[in-house]
Amino acid sequence: MSSHSVRQTAAAEFPTRWGRFRIFGFEGEIGEGDQRHETAVALVMGDLKVAPPLVRIHSQCLTGDVFGSLRCDCRQQLEMALSMIAQQGAGVLIYEQQEGRGIGLMAKLQAYELQDAGFDTVEANEQLGFKADQREFALPVEILNALGVTQVRLLSNNPDKVAALERGGIEVLERVPCEVSHSPDAEDYLKTKKEKLGHLFTSR
């Protein structure tokens, strides 16, 4: 029995340049013991019951997704995910409010400042008193349960996301690489992801 309390707050039609989705809002109390309030949206296209859908869990990145920062590859990954879901005609993109691997926007900007001084992304988070990655991905499990999805093809380079879904009872039938072209400004960021966070890259 899950100790999380998650509810759907809204559902609406959501036309995009990739095609027509439905957008769902979710919020709830997540975590064992000291619970935290989390929110996320899910963009859903097509019939999720015909075959295990392609699923992307994307953490909010204001600097990349909105402002087009070249320090990361977040915007390219977001657009790749929406494009792939549209090409297949079905899938789910879960967009979590977990800026800066869960440390929040202002702390993320402080981490940028430390990175400019020579720290990598993991060291910068730790200098600020955070873990290398604060995220747990419990909310996406609850969202997939609410959508009736029990098996997925997960679009991700992050083995922690695979493990989190499987711990929550979601079967990951396939991990689909989410590798995109990137700016030279993101080279150190991606190197740290691979060497310190264990992200899986076929092209690096």
Foldseek 3Di string as FASTA:
>chain_A
DDPKDKDKDDWDWDQDPLGIWIKIKMWTWDDDDDTDIWIKIKTWFDDCPVDAAEEEEAEDECCCCPVNDQQACRNVLVVVSSNVCSVVRTHMYIYTDQYLLNPDDVLNVQLVVVVVVPDAQQVSQVVVPHHSHPDQCPVVLVVCVVVVHQEHAYAFQAVSNQVSNVVSRRHHPHHHYRDDDGDPSNVRVVVCCCPPRVGDDPPD
